[in-house]
Amino acid sequence: MLNIFITGATNGIGRATAIALAQQGHRLFLLCRNPDLAESLRSELDALSNIPVTVYIADLAEVNSIKAAVAEFLALNIPLHRLINNAGVMHTSRHVCTINGEELEQMFAVNHLGHYLLTMLLLPKLIDTGQQADQPSRLVIVASEAHALFCKGMNFDDLNAQQSFKPLREYGRSKLANLLMMMSLLPDVNPQHVLINALHPGAVQSGLGGSGQWYEPIIKGLLRPFFLTASEGAATSLYVTTADISTHGGYYVKSKLHRMKPWAEDPVAAEKLAHYSKRILGLEQTSIDTEHG
């Protein structure tokens, strides 16, 4: 049995992933934003397994709620075998939120910064678990091919899309940030202790990015045969979470290794984004105490 912490499990790919992991007999810790949906999912999962499910209510755009959820989990003093960064939002117009007094574009804040904070707070526990066990723990990052299709870099001069906002481009950059986070962590995390990998789940029909326009149902109807179901979309997440793999820094599409675009492998951009993220989140003094070998 693995202890697995997962974000965004109340719908879509995250929900399908949580259901499959519960059916496999793992103990789940769910970080959810909506209390009603979280309780509904908990009831459904409780019916599938006699292993209790723990729910933490937190918003990935709110630093204090993330810190409170992590503190509550760490107080259990139990191993953490997997962290699955799954949650994501997409907006068709510019939404903003405030983190530590700074106004930020919400897709970037939730998809990247919230997960960056969660990862940095839980990474020491992942490392300790991997050191104590006979196999590494894992950080699983649900990214997207949007990083390849809609952008060619982070554009550090306008990270929060104040000068220009294009929905798909900003979403692509937020998912590119997921991959750059992985790249920034790889040199300092011993793969004997923690394996870090990312994935693209595939195009899944969901409410993500709904615009409310009259023609949207028509377009979705035409595209429906090409969409994956949530369960099909979760297959790669489950593979990277539970399969017998040894990759560190791998990017998976359809459960197979896939090449990221060059701008997702740029070490200079990865370091610059990490520095920016730590400053915004107040993590400037944070370091990963690991040794290779």
Protein backbone atom coordinates (compact mmCIF):
# COMPACT_ATOMS: atom_id res chain seq x y z
CA MET A 1 0.00 0.00 0.00
CA LEU A 2 1.26 3.43 -0.97
CA ASN A 3 0.44 6.75 0.66
CA ILE A 4 -0.48 9.02 -2.25
CA PHE A 5 -1.13 12.78 -2.13
CA ILE A 6 -3.03 14.10 -5.17
CA THR A 7 -4.39 17.50 -6.18
CA GLY A 8 -7.50 18.15 -8.25
CA ALA A 9 -9.17 14.79 -7.69
CA THR A 10 -12.82 15.88 -7.71
CA ASN A 11 -13.35 15.73 -11.47
CA GLY A 12 -11.90 14.61 -14.79
CA ILE A 13 -8.53 12.89 -14.90
CA GLY A 14 -7.85 13.45 -11.21
CA ARG A 15 -11.10 11.78 -10.18
CA ALA A 16 -10.47 8.79 -12.47
CA THR A 17 -6.93 8.53 -11.11
CA ALA A 18 -8.12 8.60 -7.50
CA ILE A 19 -10.77 5.95 -8.13
CA ALA A 20 -8.27 3.62 -9.80
CA LEU A 21 -5.70 4.09 -7.02
CA ALA A 22 -8.32 3.43 -4.34
CA GLN A 23 -9.35 0.25 -6.15
CA GLN A 24 -5.69 -0.81 -6.09
CA GLY A 25 -5.71 -0.49 -2.30
CA HIS A 26 -3.64 2.65 -1.79
CA ARG A 27 -4.22 5.25 0.91
CA LEU A 28 -5.21 8.60 -0.59
CA PHE A 29 -4.75 12.15 0.63
CA LEU A 30 -6.75 14.52 -1.54
CA LEU A 31 -6.16 18.27 -1.82
CA CYS A 32 -9.46 19.72 -3.04
CA ARG A 33 -10.88 23.21 -3.45
CA ASN A 34 -14.61 22.44 -3.37
CA PRO A 35 -15.80 20.91 -0.04
CA ASP A 36 -19.05 19.49 -1.45
CA LEU A 37 -17.36 17.75 -4.37
CA ALA A 38 -14.62 16.52 -2.03
CA GLU A 39 -17.12 14.92 0.35
CA SER A 40 -18.98 13.32 -2.55
CA LEU A 41 -15.73 11.82 -3.84
CA ARG A 42 -14.72 10.67 -0.37
CA SER A 43 -18.03 8.79 -0.03
CA GLU A 44 -17.53 7.17 -3.41
CA LEU A 45 -13.97 6.12 -2.58
CA ASP A 46 -14.96 4.82 0.86
CA ALA A 47 -17.38 2.47 -0.90
CA LEU A 48 -14.53 1.08 -3.02
CA SER A 49 -12.04 0.40 -0.25
CA ASN A 50 -11.85 -0.06 3.49
CA ILE A 51 -8.79 2.21 3.60
CA PRO A 52 -9.79 5.68 4.86
CA VAL A 53 -9.45 8.65 2.51
CA THR A 54 -8.19 11.95 3.90
CA VAL A 55 -9.40 15.23 2.39
CA TYR A 56 -7.73 18.61 2.77
CA ILE A 57 -9.65 21.67 1.61
CA ALA A 58 -7.28 24.19 0.06
CA ASP A 59 -7.05 26.57 -2.87
CA LEU A 60 -3.85 26.38 -4.91
CA ALA A 61 -4.05 30.15 -5.34
CA GLU A 62 -3.94 30.67 -1.55
CA VAL A 63 -0.56 30.17 0.09
CA ASN A 64 -1.84 29.85 3.64
CA SER A 65 -4.37 27.16 2.78
CA ILE A 66 -1.65 25.10 1.08
CA LYS A 67 0.66 25.47 4.07
CA ALA A 68 -2.13 24.48 6.47
CA ALA A 69 -2.94 21.34 4.47
CA VAL A 70 0.71 20.33 4.32
CA ALA A 71 1.18 20.94 8.05
CA GLU A 72 -1.84 18.75 8.78
CA PHE A 73 -0.46 15.96 6.62
CA LEU A 74 3.07 16.17 8.03
CA ALA A 75 1.66 16.03 11.57
CA LEU A 76 0.58 12.46 10.80
CA ASN A 77 4.27 11.52 10.69
CA ILE A 78 3.78 8.86 8.03
CA PRO A 79 5.66 8.11 4.78
CA LEU A 80 4.73 9.84 1.53
CA HIS A 81 5.31 7.53 -1.42
CA ARG A 82 3.74 9.59 -4.21
CA LEU A 83 2.84 13.21 -4.86
CA ILE A 84 0.68 13.72 -7.96
CA ASN A 85 0.42 17.34 -9.11
CA ASN A 86 -2.76 16.96 -11.14
CA ALA A 87 -4.98 20.02 -10.60
CA GLY A 88 -5.29 22.61 -13.34
CA VAL A 89 -7.44 25.51 -14.48
CA MET A 90 -7.96 27.18 -17.82
CA HIS A 91 -9.70 30.50 -18.39
CA THR A 92 -10.77 32.16 -21.60
CA SER A 93 -10.37 35.64 -20.09
CA ARG A 94 -7.75 37.06 -17.75
CA HIS A 95 -8.38 36.25 -14.10
CA VAL A 96 -6.09 37.43 -11.33
CA CYS A 97 -5.33 36.44 -7.77
CA THR A 98 -2.99 37.81 -5.13
CA ILE A 99 -0.13 35.88 -3.55
CA ASN A 100 1.95 37.57 -0.87
CA GLY A 101 0.75 40.97 -2.04
CA GLU A 102 1.51 40.45 -5.72
CA GLU A 103 -1.20 40.33 -8.38
CA LEU A 104 -0.79 37.26 -10.60
CA GLU A 105 -2.50 35.74 -13.62
CA GLN A 106 -4.55 32.89 -12.17
CA MET A 107 -3.63 30.04 -14.54
CA PHE A 108 0.05 30.66 -13.84
CA ALA A 109 -0.64 30.99 -10.11
CA VAL A 110 -2.69 27.80 -9.76
CA ASN A 111 -1.12 25.52 -12.36
CA HIS A 112 2.45 26.43 -11.46
CA LEU A 113 2.99 28.48 -8.29
CA GLY A 114 0.53 26.59 -6.09
CA HIS A 115 2.03 23.29 -7.14
CA TYR A 116 5.56 24.65 -6.77
CA LEU A 117 4.84 25.59 -3.15
CA LEU A 118 3.17 22.25 -2.44
CA THR A 119 6.09 20.39 -4.00
CA MET A 120 8.76 22.28 -2.09
CA LEU A 121 6.91 21.74 1.20
CA LEU A 122 6.39 18.00 0.63
CA LEU A 123 9.65 17.17 -1.15
CA PRO A 124 11.62 16.63 2.08
CA LYS A 125 9.04 14.03 3.13
CA LEU A 126 9.27 12.34 -0.27
CA ILE A 127 13.06 12.27 0.05
CA ASP A 128 12.96 10.90 3.60
CA THR A 129 10.48 8.22 2.54
CA GLY A 130 12.69 7.19 -0.37
CA GLN A 131 15.76 7.06 1.85
CA GLN A 132 14.01 4.80 4.34
CA ALA A 133 12.40 2.49 1.76
CA ASP A 134 13.88 -0.05 -0.63
CA GLN A 135 12.68 1.96 -3.65
CA PRO A 136 12.37 5.66 -4.52
CA SER A 137 9.25 7.67 -3.88
CA ARG A 138 7.88 9.63 -6.85
CA LEU A 139 6.82 13.11 -7.84
CA VAL A 140 4.34 12.87 -10.74
CA ILE A 141 3.67 16.08 -12.67
CA VAL A 142 0.61 16.22 -14.92
CA ALA A 143 1.78 18.65 -17.59
CA SER A 144 0.49 19.00 -21.16
CA GLU A 145 1.44 19.08 -24.81
CA ALA A 146 0.07 22.63 -24.62
CA HIS A 147 3.68 23.54 -23.81
CA ALA A 148 4.55 22.50 -27.36
CA LEU A 149 1.48 23.75 -29.21
CA PHE A 150 0.77 27.20 -27.83
CA CYS A 151 4.01 28.79 -26.67
CA LYS A 152 7.75 28.81 -27.26
CA GLY A 153 8.96 30.03 -23.91
CA MET A 154 7.90 31.64 -20.65
CA ASN A 155 8.25 35.31 -21.71
CA PHE A 156 9.66 36.46 -18.39
CA ASP A 157 8.97 40.08 -19.35
CA ASP A 158 5.22 39.45 -19.05
CA LEU A 159 4.74 36.34 -16.93
CA ASN A 160 1.36 37.50 -15.69
CA ALA A 161 0.00 38.51 -19.09
CA GLN A 162 -0.56 42.13 -18.15
CA GLN A 163 0.56 43.40 -21.56
CA SER A 164 -1.17 40.75 -23.64
CA PHE A 165 -3.47 37.85 -22.73
CA LYS A 166 -4.14 34.90 -25.02
CA PRO A 167 -5.90 32.01 -23.27
CA LEU A 168 -4.20 29.06 -24.95
CA ARG A 169 -0.79 30.72 -24.82
CA GLU A 170 -1.08 31.48 -21.10
CA TYR A 171 -2.33 27.96 -20.40
CA GLY A 172 0.57 26.57 -22.44
CA ARG A 173 3.04 28.67 -20.45
CA SER A 174 1.58 27.49 -17.16
CA LYS A 175 2.10 23.87 -18.26
CA LEU A 176 5.56 24.72 -19.60
CA ALA A 177 6.27 26.01 -16.09
CA ASN A 178 5.39 22.54 -14.74
CA LEU A 179 8.11 21.03 -16.94
CA LEU A 180 10.65 23.71 -16.08
CA MET A 181 9.98 23.02 -12.41
CA MET A 182 10.89 19.40 -13.05
CA MET A 183 14.08 20.45 -14.82
CA SER A 184 15.06 22.75 -11.95
CA LEU A 185 14.64 19.97 -9.38
CA LEU A 186 16.45 17.17 -11.20
CA PRO A 187 20.06 18.19 -10.42
CA ASP A 188 19.40 18.37 -6.67
CA VAL A 189 17.19 15.32 -6.15
CA ASN A 190 18.86 11.94 -5.92
CA PRO A 191 16.91 9.49 -8.13
CA GLN A 192 17.72 6.76 -5.62
CA HIS A 193 15.42 8.62 -3.25
CA VAL A 194 12.84 10.35 -5.48
CA LEU A 195 12.00 9.86 -9.15
CA ILE A 196 10.55 12.95 -10.83
CA ASN A 197 8.61 12.52 -14.05
CA ALA A 198 5.99 14.43 -16.02
CA LEU A 199 3.26 13.44 -18.44
CA HIS A 200 0.68 14.58 -20.95
CA PRO A 201 -2.65 12.87 -20.22
CA GLY A 202 -4.21 13.40 -23.64
CA ALA A 203 -7.19 15.46 -24.77
CA VAL A 204 -10.01 14.73 -22.35
CA GLN A 205 -13.52 16.15 -22.68
CA SER A 206 -14.26 18.20 -19.57
CA GLY A 207 -15.41 21.63 -18.46
CA LEU A 208 -11.83 22.92 -18.56
CA GLY A 209 -11.72 26.15 -20.47
CA GLY A 210 -15.43 26.45 -21.18
CA SER A 211 -16.22 29.84 -22.69
CA GLY A 212 -20.01 29.77 -22.57
CA GLN A 213 -20.31 30.80 -26.22
CA TRP A 214 -23.37 29.56 -28.17
CA TYR A 215 -21.23 27.62 -30.64
CA GLU A 216 -19.21 25.74 -28.02
CA PRO A 217 -21.62 22.73 -27.75
CA ILE A 218 -21.51 22.38 -31.55
CA ILE A 219 -17.71 22.34 -31.60
CA LYS A 220 -17.56 19.90 -28.70
CA GLY A 221 -20.05 17.66 -30.49
CA LEU A 222 -17.91 17.58 -33.61
CA LEU A 223 -14.76 16.87 -31.59
CA ARG A 224 -16.29 14.34 -29.20
CA PRO A 225 -15.11 11.26 -31.18
CA PHE A 226 -11.51 12.44 -30.77
CA PHE A 227 -11.64 13.00 -27.01
CA LEU A 228 -10.46 10.43 -24.48
CA THR A 229 -12.66 9.49 -21.56
CA ALA A 230 -11.44 10.54 -18.13
CA SER A 231 -10.40 6.94 -17.42
CA GLU A 232 -8.44 6.76 -20.66
CA GLY A 233 -6.83 10.11 -19.85
CA ALA A 234 -5.83 8.86 -16.41
CA ALA A 235 -4.00 5.84 -17.84
CA THR A 236 -0.68 7.64 -18.26
CA SER A 237 -0.93 9.21 -14.79
CA LEU A 238 -1.48 5.74 -13.33
CA TYR A 239 1.41 4.34 -15.35
CA VAL A 240 3.89 6.95 -14.16
CA THR A 241 2.59 6.58 -10.60
CA THR A 242 2.60 2.81 -10.23
CA ALA A 243 4.44 1.11 -13.13
CA ASP A 244 7.93 -0.31 -12.81
CA ILE A 245 9.87 2.66 -14.20
CA SER A 246 13.26 4.12 -13.32
CA THR A 247 13.29 7.34 -15.35
CA HIS A 248 14.20 10.64 -13.70
CA GLY A 249 13.14 13.62 -15.77
CA GLY A 250 11.05 11.60 -18.21
CA TYR A 251 8.07 13.01 -20.09
CA TYR A 252 5.38 10.45 -20.92
CA VAL A 253 2.68 10.53 -23.58
CA LYS A 254 0.39 7.48 -23.95
CA SER A 255 2.53 5.78 -21.29
CA LYS A 256 5.66 6.03 -23.46
CA LEU A 257 8.63 8.34 -23.19
CA HIS A 258 8.28 11.40 -25.39
CA ARG A 259 10.60 14.29 -26.18
CA MET A 260 9.76 17.68 -24.73
CA LYS A 261 10.27 20.82 -26.75
CA PRO A 262 13.69 22.51 -26.35
CA TRP A 263 12.17 25.40 -24.40
CA ALA A 264 10.97 22.91 -21.78
CA GLU A 265 14.52 21.59 -21.31
CA ASP A 266 16.22 25.00 -21.04
CA PRO A 267 18.27 25.01 -17.81
CA VAL A 268 18.61 28.80 -17.82
CA ALA A 269 14.84 29.27 -18.04
CA ALA A 270 14.31 26.57 -15.39
CA GLU A 271 16.66 28.32 -12.97
CA LYS A 272 15.15 31.74 -13.69
CA LEU A 273 11.61 30.45 -13.10
CA ALA A 274 12.67 28.71 -9.87
CA HIS A 275 14.23 31.94 -8.60
CA TYR A 276 11.10 33.93 -9.49
CA SER A 277 8.79 31.32 -7.91
CA LYS A 278 10.75 31.21 -4.67
CA ARG A 279 10.72 35.00 -4.42
CA ILE A 280 6.95 35.25 -4.97
CA LEU A 281 6.26 32.43 -2.51
CA GLY A 282 8.74 33.57 0.12
CA LEU A 283 10.93 30.48 -0.32
CA GLU A 284 14.24 32.24 -1.06
CA GLN A 285 16.03 30.35 1.71
CA THR A 286 14.62 26.97 0.72
CA SER A 287 17.14 24.34 -0.33
CA ILE A 288 16.96 20.62 -0.95
CA ASP A 289 19.26 18.76 1.40
CA THR A 290 20.30 15.82 -0.74
CA GLU A 291 23.42 14.14 -1.91
CA HIS A 292 23.92 12.09 -5.04
CA GLY A 293 25.67 8.79 -4.90
